[in-house]
């Protein structure tokens, strides 16, 4: 992949979302986390409880931060949910720093999954 800035790569992630989900709006990070979590869960279920949604977001965060060394995949439970072990504690980050980390992780996910 050619050397692109994080901003250019993030624009490609947003463009992927707009194109594939037939929307004109750019995605919020929470929306991307939810979609990544559903993808990782492999669930086509249409209705999710509030607890399901929180679990799906947790799956996405763990999966996204795995390449950064914060989590390691452990196993799937009987319901097919992936579980992760914390390898390294996340540093205390300000909200804008959290957003930057998640954007970098989402970009890396899209690259790893060959979506960009």
C-alpha atoms as a PDB file:
ATOM      1  CA  UNK A   1       0.000   0.000   0.000  1.00  0.00           C
ATOM      2  CA  UNK A   2       1.283   3.422  -0.877  1.00  0.00           C
ATOM      3  CA  UNK A   3       2.131   5.762   1.953  1.00  0.00           C
ATOM      4  CA  UNK A   4      -1.088   7.530   2.826  1.00  0.00           C
ATOM      5  CA  UNK A   5      -1.792   9.678   5.826  1.00  0.00           C
ATOM      6  CA  UNK A   6      -4.178   8.536   8.529  1.00  0.00           C
ATOM      7  CA  UNK A   7      -6.598  11.246   7.370  1.00  0.00           C
ATOM      8  CA  UNK A   8      -6.534   9.898   3.803  1.00  0.00           C
ATOM      9  CA  UNK A   9      -7.057   6.339   5.040  1.00  0.00           C
ATOM     10  CA  UNK A  10      -9.888   7.441   7.331  1.00  0.00           C
ATOM     11  CA  UNK A  11     -11.548   9.143   4.355  1.00  0.00           C
ATOM     12  CA  UNK A  12     -11.357   5.792   2.531  1.00  0.00           C
ATOM     13  CA  UNK A  13     -12.989   4.030   5.497  1.00  0.00           C
ATOM     14  CA  UNK A  14     -15.788   6.605   5.446  1.00  0.00           C
ATOM     15  CA  UNK A  15     -16.152   6.246   1.665  1.00  0.00           C
ATOM     16  CA  UNK A  16     -16.378   2.450   2.047  1.00  0.00           C
ATOM     17  CA  UNK A  17     -19.198   2.895   4.545  1.00  0.00           C
ATOM     18  CA  UNK A  18     -21.092   5.403   2.401  1.00  0.00           C
ATOM     19  CA  UNK A  19     -20.778   3.194  -0.696  1.00  0.00           C
ATOM     20  CA  UNK A  20     -21.608  -0.150   0.919  1.00  0.00           C
ATOM     21  CA  UNK A  21     -24.392   1.020   3.199  1.00  0.00           C
ATOM     22  CA  UNK A  22     -26.007   3.371   0.682  1.00  0.00           C
ATOM     23  CA  UNK A  23     -25.927   6.397   2.897  1.00  0.00           C
ATOM     24  CA  UNK A  24     -24.713   9.935   2.458  1.00  0.00           C
ATOM     25  CA  UNK A  25     -23.765  10.311   6.097  1.00  0.00           C
ATOM     26  CA  UNK A  26     -20.274   9.578   7.342  1.00  0.00           C
ATOM     27  CA  UNK A  27     -20.236   6.919  10.053  1.00  0.00           C
ATOM     28  CA  UNK A  28     -19.746   7.628  13.717  1.00  0.00           C
ATOM     29  CA  UNK A  29     -17.027   5.556  15.378  1.00  0.00           C
ATOM     30  CA  UNK A  30     -19.646   3.810  17.544  1.00  0.00           C
ATOM     31  CA  UNK A  31     -21.486   2.740  14.390  1.00  0.00           C
ATOM     32  CA  UNK A  32     -18.293   1.313  12.907  1.00  0.00           C
ATOM     33  CA  UNK A  33     -17.512  -0.475  16.175  1.00  0.00           C
ATOM     34  CA  UNK A  34     -20.964  -2.038  16.185  1.00  0.00           C
ATOM     35  CA  UNK A  35     -20.644  -3.201  12.572  1.00  0.00           C
ATOM     36  CA  UNK A  36     -17.164  -4.616  13.184  1.00  0.00           C
ATOM     37  CA  UNK A  37     -18.452  -6.393  16.291  1.00  0.00           C
ATOM     38  CA  UNK A  38     -21.341  -7.927  14.335  1.00  0.00           C
ATOM     39  CA  UNK A  39     -18.873  -8.973  11.624  1.00  0.00           C
ATOM     40  CA  UNK A  40     -16.580 -10.601  14.183  1.00  0.00           C
ATOM     41  CA  UNK A  41     -19.520 -12.290  15.871  1.00  0.00           C
ATOM     42  CA  UNK A  42     -20.721 -13.560  12.501  1.00  0.00           C
ATOM     43  CA  UNK A  43     -24.283 -12.873  13.491  1.00  0.00           C
ATOM     44  CA  UNK A  44     -27.011 -12.047  11.050  1.00  0.00           C
ATOM     45  CA  UNK A  45     -29.489 -11.518  13.857  1.00  0.00           C
ATOM     46  CA  UNK A  46     -31.583  -8.405  13.367  1.00  0.00           C
ATOM     47  CA  UNK A  47     -32.726  -7.596  16.920  1.00  0.00           C
ATOM     48  CA  UNK A  48     -30.225  -7.035  19.703  1.00  0.00           C
ATOM     49  CA  UNK A  49     -30.857  -6.299  23.352  1.00  0.00           C
ATOM     50  CA  UNK A  50     -29.021  -3.470  25.064  1.00  0.00           C
ATOM     51  CA  UNK A  51     -26.690  -6.069  26.652  1.00  0.00           C
ATOM     52  CA  UNK A  52     -26.096  -7.663  23.228  1.00  0.00           C
ATOM     53  CA  UNK A  53     -25.131  -4.273  21.823  1.00  0.00           C
ATOM     54  CA  UNK A  54     -22.672  -3.622  24.656  1.00  0.00           C
ATOM     55  CA  UNK A  55     -21.146  -7.079  24.177  1.00  0.00           C
ATOM     56  CA  UNK A  56     -20.838  -6.476  20.443  1.00  0.00           C
ATOM     57  CA  UNK A  57     -19.058  -3.162  21.048  1.00  0.00           C
ATOM     58  CA  UNK A  58     -16.733  -4.903  23.520  1.00  0.00           C
ATOM     59  CA  UNK A  59     -15.942  -7.612  20.944  1.00  0.00           C
ATOM     60  CA  UNK A  60     -15.084  -4.931  18.387  1.00  0.00           C
ATOM     61  CA  UNK A  61     -12.831  -2.991  20.761  1.00  0.00           C
ATOM     62  CA  UNK A  62     -10.961  -6.141  21.808  1.00  0.00           C
ATOM     63  CA  UNK A  63     -10.571  -7.292  18.201  1.00  0.00           C
ATOM     64  CA  UNK A  64      -9.418  -3.865  17.049  1.00  0.00           C
ATOM     65  CA  UNK A  65      -6.873  -3.466  19.835  1.00  0.00           C
ATOM     66  CA  UNK A  66      -5.550  -7.020  19.506  1.00  0.00           C
ATOM     67  CA  UNK A  67      -2.936  -6.073  16.844  1.00  0.00           C
ATOM     68  CA  UNK A  68      -1.760  -3.281  19.154  1.00  0.00           C
ATOM     69  CA  UNK A  69      -0.945  -5.831  21.874  1.00  0.00           C
ATOM     70  CA  UNK A  70      -3.680  -4.911  24.342  1.00  0.00           C
ATOM     71  CA  UNK A  71      -5.824  -8.036  23.944  1.00  0.00           C
ATOM     72  CA  UNK A  72      -5.378 -11.642  22.808  1.00  0.00           C
ATOM     73  CA  UNK A  73      -8.110 -13.892  21.474  1.00  0.00           C
ATOM     74  CA  UNK A  74      -8.897 -16.589  24.018  1.00  0.00           C
ATOM     75  CA  UNK A  75     -11.827 -18.722  22.863  1.00  0.00           C
ATOM     76  CA  UNK A  76     -15.402 -18.861  21.663  1.00  0.00           C
ATOM     77  CA  UNK A  77     -18.070 -19.577  24.260  1.00  0.00           C
ATOM     78  CA  UNK A  78     -21.007 -21.948  23.768  1.00  0.00           C
ATOM     79  CA  UNK A  79     -23.064 -19.119  22.242  1.00  0.00           C
ATOM     80  CA  UNK A  80     -20.361 -18.390  19.660  1.00  0.00           C
ATOM     81  CA  UNK A  81     -19.173 -15.174  21.285  1.00  0.00           C
ATOM     82  CA  UNK A  82     -15.417 -14.580  21.001  1.00  0.00           C
ATOM     83  CA  UNK A  83     -13.579 -13.886  24.249  1.00  0.00           C
ATOM     84  CA  UNK A  84     -10.331 -11.999  24.691  1.00  0.00           C
ATOM     85  CA  UNK A  85      -7.786 -11.754  27.461  1.00  0.00           C
ATOM     86  CA  UNK A  86      -6.260  -8.433  28.406  1.00  0.00           C
ATOM     87  CA  UNK A  87      -2.531  -8.591  27.689  1.00  0.00           C
ATOM     88  CA  UNK A  88      -1.604  -5.017  28.480  1.00  0.00           C
ATOM     89  CA  UNK A  89      -3.639  -2.397  30.277  1.00  0.00           C
ATOM     90  CA  UNK A  90      -4.744   0.477  28.097  1.00  0.00           C
ATOM     91  CA  UNK A  91      -3.081   3.755  29.014  1.00  0.00           C
ATOM     92  CA  UNK A  92      -5.203   6.552  30.424  1.00  0.00           C
ATOM     93  CA  UNK A  93      -6.208   8.522  27.371  1.00  0.00           C
ATOM     94  CA  UNK A  94      -8.100  11.749  26.935  1.00  0.00           C
ATOM     95  CA  UNK A  95     -11.273  11.441  24.821  1.00  0.00           C
ATOM     96  CA  UNK A  96      -9.585  12.852  21.702  1.00  0.00           C
ATOM     97  CA  UNK A  97      -6.659  10.440  22.180  1.00  0.00           C
ATOM     98  CA  UNK A  98      -9.125   7.539  22.506  1.00  0.00           C
ATOM     99  CA  UNK A  99     -10.745   8.607  19.255  1.00  0.00           C
ATOM    100  CA  UNK A 100      -7.371   8.767  17.485  1.00  0.00           C
ATOM    101  CA  UNK A 101      -6.439   5.288  18.756  1.00  0.00           C
ATOM    102  CA  UNK A 102      -9.781   3.829  17.641  1.00  0.00           C
ATOM    103  CA  UNK A 103      -9.508   5.457  14.220  1.00  0.00           C
ATOM    104  CA  UNK A 104      -6.018   3.983  13.786  1.00  0.00           C
ATOM    105  CA  UNK A 105      -7.318   0.582  14.915  1.00  0.00           C
ATOM    106  CA  UNK A 106     -10.293   0.745  12.528  1.00  0.00           C
ATOM    107  CA  UNK A 107      -7.992   1.730   9.660  1.00  0.00           C
ATOM    108  CA  UNK A 108      -5.728  -1.221  10.517  1.00  0.00           C
ATOM    109  CA  UNK A 109      -8.752  -3.548  10.623  1.00  0.00           C
ATOM    110  CA  UNK A 110      -9.873  -2.386   7.176  1.00  0.00           C
ATOM    111  CA  UNK A 111      -6.344  -2.930   5.842  1.00  0.00           C
ATOM    112  CA  UNK A 112      -6.041  -6.381   7.484  1.00  0.00           C
ATOM    113  CA  UNK A 113      -9.433  -7.428   6.141  1.00  0.00           C
ATOM    114  CA  UNK A 114      -8.418  -6.091   2.695  1.00  0.00           C
ATOM    115  CA  UNK A 115     -11.323  -3.669   2.602  1.00  0.00           C
ATOM    116  CA  UNK A 116      -9.061  -0.752   1.648  1.00  0.00           C
END
